[in-house]
C-alpha atoms as a PDB file:
ATOM      1  CA  MET A   1     -13.340   4.820  42.604  1.00  0.00           C
ATOM      2  CA  LYS A   2     -16.753   6.270  43.452  1.00  0.00           C
ATOM      3  CA  LYS A   3     -16.812   8.139  40.133  1.00  0.00           C
ATOM      4  CA  LEU A   4     -15.958   4.940  38.249  1.00  0.00           C
ATOM      5  CA  MET A   5     -18.722   2.971  40.012  1.00  0.00           C
ATOM      6  CA  PHE A   6     -21.198   5.803  39.407  1.00  0.00           C
ATOM      7  CA  GLY A   7     -20.190   5.862  35.715  1.00  0.00           C
ATOM      8  CA  ILE A   8     -20.665   2.107  35.355  1.00  0.00           C
ATOM      9  CA  LEU A   9     -24.034   2.287  37.105  1.00  0.00           C
ATOM     10  CA  MET A  10     -25.207   5.136  34.844  1.00  0.00           C
ATOM     11  CA  ALA A  11     -23.974   3.361  31.703  1.00  0.00           C
ATOM     12  CA  THR A  12     -25.820   0.189  32.737  1.00  0.00           C
ATOM     13  CA  PHE A  13     -28.990   2.165  33.407  1.00  0.00           C
ATOM     14  CA  LEU A  14     -28.798   3.996  30.062  1.00  0.00           C
ATOM     15  CA  PHE A  15     -28.075   0.787  28.138  1.00  0.00           C
ATOM     16  CA  SER A  16     -31.018  -1.030  29.738  1.00  0.00           C
ATOM     17  CA  SER A  17     -33.315   1.952  29.038  1.00  0.00           C
ATOM     18  CA  VAL A  18     -32.248   2.175  25.401  1.00  0.00           C
ATOM     19  CA  SER A  19     -32.426  -1.582  24.806  1.00  0.00           C
ATOM     20  CA  ALA A  20     -35.864  -1.758  26.450  1.00  0.00           C
ATOM     21  CA  SER A  21     -37.186   0.861  24.033  1.00  0.00           C
ATOM     22  CA  TYR A  22     -35.272  -0.597  21.090  1.00  0.00           C
ATOM     23  CA  PHE A  23     -36.714  -4.111  21.438  1.00  0.00           C
ATOM     24  CA  SER A  24     -40.261  -4.914  22.457  1.00  0.00           C
ATOM     25  CA  ASN A  25     -42.188  -8.153  22.703  1.00  0.00           C
ATOM     26  CA  ASP A  26     -45.950  -8.080  22.140  1.00  0.00           C
ATOM     27  CA  VAL A  27     -47.694 -11.195  23.453  1.00  0.00           C
ATOM     28  CA  ASP A  28     -51.269 -12.315  22.856  1.00  0.00           C
ATOM     29  CA  THR A  29     -53.019 -15.510  23.924  1.00  0.00           C
ATOM     30  CA  LEU A  30     -55.606 -17.216  21.779  1.00  0.00           C
ATOM     31  CA  ASN A  31     -57.849 -20.173  22.640  1.00  0.00           C
ATOM     32  CA  LEU A  32     -58.596 -22.743  19.951  1.00  0.00           C
ATOM     33  CA  VAL A  33     -61.515 -25.127  20.379  1.00  0.00           C
ATOM     34  CA  GLN A  34     -63.300 -27.907  18.563  1.00  0.00           C
ATOM     35  CA  LYS A  35     -66.670 -26.746  17.197  1.00  0.00           C
ATOM     36  CA  ASP A  36     -69.779 -28.621  16.095  1.00  0.00           C
ATOM     37  CA  SER A  37     -71.683 -28.172  12.803  1.00  0.00           C
ATOM     38  CA  SER A  38     -73.576 -25.204  14.322  1.00  0.00           C
ATOM     39  CA  TRP A  39     -70.241 -23.535  15.237  1.00  0.00           C
ATOM     40  CA  ASN A  40     -70.782 -24.060  18.960  1.00  0.00           C
ATOM     41  CA  GLU A  41     -67.895 -25.157  21.137  1.00  0.00           C
ATOM     42  CA  VAL A  42     -67.876 -28.931  21.697  1.00  0.00           C
ATOM     43  CA  GLU A  43     -68.127 -29.628  25.419  1.00  0.00           C
ATOM     44  CA  ASN A  44     -65.031 -31.567  26.541  1.00  0.00           C
ATOM     45  CA  GLY A  45     -63.741 -31.389  22.964  1.00  0.00           C
ATOM     46  CA  ALA A  46     -60.177 -30.892  21.803  1.00  0.00           C
ATOM     47  CA  ARG A  47     -58.621 -27.535  22.630  1.00  0.00           C
ATOM     48  CA  ALA A  48     -55.401 -25.586  22.444  1.00  0.00           C
ATOM     49  CA  VAL A  49     -53.874 -22.437  23.853  1.00  0.00           C
ATOM     50  CA  VAL A  50     -51.725 -20.439  21.451  1.00  0.00           C
ATOM     51  CA  THR A  51     -49.359 -17.801  22.772  1.00  0.00           C
ATOM     52  CA  LEU A  52     -48.354 -15.483  19.948  1.00  0.00           C
ATOM     53  CA  SER A  53     -45.331 -13.289  20.442  1.00  0.00           C
ATOM     54  CA  VAL A  54     -44.071 -10.608  18.102  1.00  0.00           C
ATOM     55  CA  VAL A  55     -40.593  -9.215  18.680  1.00  0.00           C
ATOM     56  CA  LYS A  56     -40.076  -5.709  17.336  1.00  0.00           C
ATOM     57  CA  ASN A  57     -36.935  -3.716  16.696  1.00  0.00           C
ATOM     58  CA  TRP A  58     -38.308  -0.214  17.209  1.00  0.00           C
ATOM     59  CA  LYS A  59     -41.512  -0.580  15.169  1.00  0.00           C
ATOM     60  CA  LYS A  60     -40.291  -3.175  12.685  1.00  0.00           C
ATOM     61  CA  VAL A  61     -41.358  -6.786  13.316  1.00  0.00           C
ATOM     62  CA  VAL A  62     -38.259  -8.998  13.409  1.00  0.00           C
ATOM     63  CA  GLN A  63     -39.643 -12.316  14.662  1.00  0.00           C
ATOM     64  CA  GLN A  64     -42.973 -14.019  15.226  1.00  0.00           C
ATOM     65  CA  ARG A  65     -43.475 -17.146  17.268  1.00  0.00           C
ATOM     66  CA  ALA A  66     -46.454 -19.194  18.354  1.00  0.00           C
ATOM     67  CA  ARG A  67     -46.230 -21.616  21.262  1.00  0.00           C
ATOM     68  CA  VAL A  68     -49.037 -24.140  21.286  1.00  0.00           C
ATOM     69  CA  THR A  69     -50.284 -26.470  23.979  1.00  0.00           C
ATOM     70  CA  ALA A  70     -53.022 -28.769  22.673  1.00  0.00           C
ATOM     71  CA  PHE A  71     -55.112 -31.549  24.239  1.00  0.00           C
ATOM     72  CA  GLY A  72     -57.731 -34.013  23.014  1.00  0.00           C
ATOM     73  CA  LEU A  73     -56.331 -34.363  19.491  1.00  0.00           C
ATOM     74  CA  LYS A  74     -55.860 -37.559  17.523  1.00  0.00           C
ATOM     75  CA  PRO A  75     -52.905 -39.561  18.883  1.00  0.00           C
ATOM     76  CA  LYS A  76     -49.662 -39.726  16.859  1.00  0.00           C
ATOM     77  CA  THR A  77     -51.015 -37.283  14.285  1.00  0.00           C
ATOM     78  CA  LYS A  78     -49.188 -34.363  12.701  1.00  0.00           C
ATOM     79  CA  TYR A  79     -50.850 -30.944  13.016  1.00  0.00           C
ATOM     80  CA  GLN A  80     -50.146 -27.653  11.315  1.00  0.00           C
ATOM     81  CA  LEU A  81     -50.893 -24.202  12.699  1.00  0.00           C
ATOM     82  CA  VAL A  82     -52.353 -22.005   9.944  1.00  0.00           C
ATOM     83  CA  TYR A  83     -54.099 -18.747   9.484  1.00  0.00           C
ATOM     84  CA  TYR A  84     -57.008 -18.660   7.133  1.00  0.00           C
ATOM     85  CA  GLY A  85     -56.053 -16.626   4.097  1.00  0.00           C
ATOM     86  CA  ASP A  86     -52.944 -15.285   2.448  1.00  0.00           C
ATOM     87  CA  GLU A  87     -51.747 -11.922   1.229  1.00  0.00           C
ATOM     88  CA  THR A  88     -54.028 -11.875  -1.854  1.00  0.00           C
ATOM     89  CA  HIS A  89     -56.925 -14.173  -0.824  1.00  0.00           C
ATOM     90  CA  ASN A  90     -57.606 -13.187   2.752  1.00  0.00           C
ATOM     91  CA  ASP A  91     -60.674 -14.848   4.298  1.00  0.00           C
ATOM     92  CA  GLU A  92     -61.365 -16.786   1.093  1.00  0.00           C
ATOM     93  CA  TRP A  93     -61.898 -20.561   0.828  1.00  0.00           C
ATOM     94  CA  ASN A  94     -59.514 -22.616   0.587  1.00  0.00           C
ATOM     95  CA  TYR A  95     -56.453 -20.424   1.055  1.00  0.00           C
ATOM     96  CA  VAL A  96     -54.367 -20.757   4.212  1.00  0.00           C
ATOM     97  CA  THR A  97     -50.883 -19.777   5.271  1.00  0.00           C
ATOM     98  CA  CYS A  98     -48.900 -22.348   7.226  1.00  0.00           C
ATOM     99  CA  LEU A  99     -47.163 -20.954  10.280  1.00  0.00           C
ATOM    100  CA  GLY A 100     -43.924 -22.778  10.912  1.00  0.00           C
ATOM    101  CA  LYS A 101     -43.427 -26.533  10.799  1.00  0.00           C
ATOM    102  CA  GLU A 102     -45.936 -29.228  11.699  1.00  0.00           C
ATOM    103  CA  ARG A 103     -45.927 -30.911  15.116  1.00  0.00           C
ATOM    104  CA  LYS A 104     -46.863 -34.481  16.026  1.00  0.00           C
ATOM    105  CA  THR A 105     -49.102 -35.360  18.961  1.00  0.00           C
ATOM    106  CA  SER A 106     -48.189 -37.901  21.615  1.00  0.00           C
ATOM    107  CA  THR A 107     -49.819 -41.295  22.034  1.00  0.00           C
ATOM    108  CA  GLN A 108     -52.334 -39.511  24.323  1.00  0.00           C
ATOM    109  CA  GLY A 109     -53.210 -36.888  21.679  1.00  0.00           C
ATOM    110  CA  TYR A 110     -51.472 -33.810  23.036  1.00  0.00           C
ATOM    111  CA  PHE A 111     -48.397 -31.718  22.577  1.00  0.00           C
ATOM    112  CA  LYS A 112     -47.133 -29.177  24.983  1.00  0.00           C
ATOM    113  CA  GLY A 113     -45.140 -26.095  24.173  1.00  0.00           C
ATOM    114  CA  GLY A 114     -44.818 -26.911  20.491  1.00  0.00           C
ATOM    115  CA  SER A 115     -43.144 -23.862  18.989  1.00  0.00           C
ATOM    116  CA  PHE A 116     -44.122 -22.679  15.528  1.00  0.00           C
ATOM    117  CA  GLU A 117     -41.612 -20.016  14.471  1.00  0.00           C
ATOM    118  CA  PHE A 118     -42.553 -18.250  11.298  1.00  0.00           C
ATOM    119  CA  ASN A 119     -41.681 -15.271   9.170  1.00  0.00           C
ATOM    120  CA  HIS A 120     -44.929 -14.244   7.541  1.00  0.00           C
ATOM    121  CA  LEU A 121     -45.332 -10.598   8.405  1.00  0.00           C
ATOM    122  CA  ASP A 122     -48.556  -9.994   6.423  1.00  0.00           C
ATOM    123  CA  MET A 123     -50.532 -11.682   9.181  1.00  0.00           C
ATOM    124  CA  SER A 124     -49.769  -8.965  11.702  1.00  0.00           C
ATOM    125  CA  GLN A 125     -49.530  -5.996   9.368  1.00  0.00           C
ATOM    126  CA  ASP A 126     -52.779  -5.950   7.402  1.00  0.00           C
ATOM    127  CA  ASP A 127     -56.095  -4.602   8.650  1.00  0.00           C
ATOM    128  CA  ILE A 128     -58.057  -7.870   8.442  1.00  0.00           C
ATOM    129  CA  ALA A 129     -58.799  -9.912  11.568  1.00  0.00           C
ATOM    130  CA  GLN A 130     -56.878 -13.173  11.252  1.00  0.00           C
ATOM    131  CA  LYS A 131     -58.343 -16.583  11.929  1.00  0.00           C
ATOM    132  CA  ILE A 132     -55.825 -18.999  13.439  1.00  0.00           C
ATOM    133  CA  TRP A 133     -56.561 -22.723  13.152  1.00  0.00           C
ATOM    134  CA  LEU A 134     -54.848 -25.978  14.099  1.00  0.00           C
ATOM    135  CA  VAL A 135     -55.479 -28.545  11.342  1.00  0.00           C
ATOM    136  CA  PRO A 136     -54.259 -32.076  10.655  1.00  0.00           C
ATOM    137  CA  SER A 137     -51.228 -31.765   8.379  1.00  0.00           C
ATOM    138  CA  SER A 138     -52.764 -34.250   5.951  1.00  0.00           C
ATOM    139  CA  ASP A 139     -55.598 -31.759   5.307  1.00  0.00           C
ATOM    140  CA  VAL A 140     -53.375 -28.891   4.153  1.00  0.00           C
ATOM    141  CA  ASP A 141     -50.779 -28.405   1.428  1.00  0.00           C
ATOM    142  CA  CYS A 142     -48.333 -25.811   2.736  1.00  0.00           C
ATOM    143  CA  ASN A 143     -46.561 -25.584  -0.633  1.00  0.00           C
ATOM    144  CA  THR A 144     -49.692 -24.359  -2.440  1.00  0.00           C
ATOM    145  CA  GLY A 145     -51.224 -22.699   0.625  1.00  0.00           C
ATOM    146  CA  LYS A 146     -54.549 -24.512   0.384  1.00  0.00           C
ATOM    147  CA  LEU A 147     -56.774 -26.690   2.506  1.00  0.00           C
ATOM    148  CA  LEU A 148     -57.254 -29.986   0.707  1.00  0.00           C
ATOM    149  CA  VAL A 149     -60.436 -31.077   2.487  1.00  0.00           C
ATOM    150  CA  TRP A 150     -63.020 -29.493   4.754  1.00  0.00           C
ATOM    151  CA  LYS A 151     -63.451 -31.563   7.936  1.00  0.00           C
ATOM    152  CA  PRO A 152     -64.378 -29.002  10.605  1.00  0.00           C
ATOM    153  CA  SER A 153     -64.658 -31.678  13.315  1.00  0.00           C
ATOM    154  CA  ASP A 154     -60.880 -32.237  12.976  1.00  0.00           C
ATOM    155  CA  ILE A 155     -59.950 -28.531  13.119  1.00  0.00           C
ATOM    156  CA  LEU A 156     -59.462 -26.387  16.197  1.00  0.00           C
ATOM    157  CA  PHE A 157     -60.822 -22.884  15.585  1.00  0.00           C
ATOM    158  CA  GLU A 158     -60.137 -19.630  17.405  1.00  0.00           C
ATOM    159  CA  THR A 159     -62.780 -18.418  19.817  1.00  0.00           C
ATOM    160  CA  LYS A 160     -62.301 -14.876  18.491  1.00  0.00           C
ATOM    161  CA  ALA A 161     -60.364 -13.647  15.460  1.00  0.00           C
ATOM    162  CA  LEU A 162     -57.227 -11.606  16.089  1.00  0.00           C
END
């Protein structure tokens, strides 16, 4: 009986060690803020916290997710999380890549824990710092990957590029 219990304990330990090295979850937090025309943060302006997680199977990325908590936005308005650029036009006006599906704010202008699950691996695998923005959905066409208008006062920008 002791040998059986020892065997089960060792098997459990080995499985947990292998699975811990097989799967990993990289997490990064990014602050998004409203900025003025001089690119300074607007005091008491709209803001969001984005928690980006990347799940890897060994070294291969298998899932990316962004959880967003945002405050001070326009009430009952749909917003889209984007990164500025795409795989051929990185950091070039007016190209953006939509990350997941849009989310709608409450009557008080916030959403909490909105999850944007996406499968766009170029964002995390190229060598260019990515700019993550939260924009009103009406200002972006996710099908063509372009911003339709430039209204910086309505956009939440990262405080530092990833």
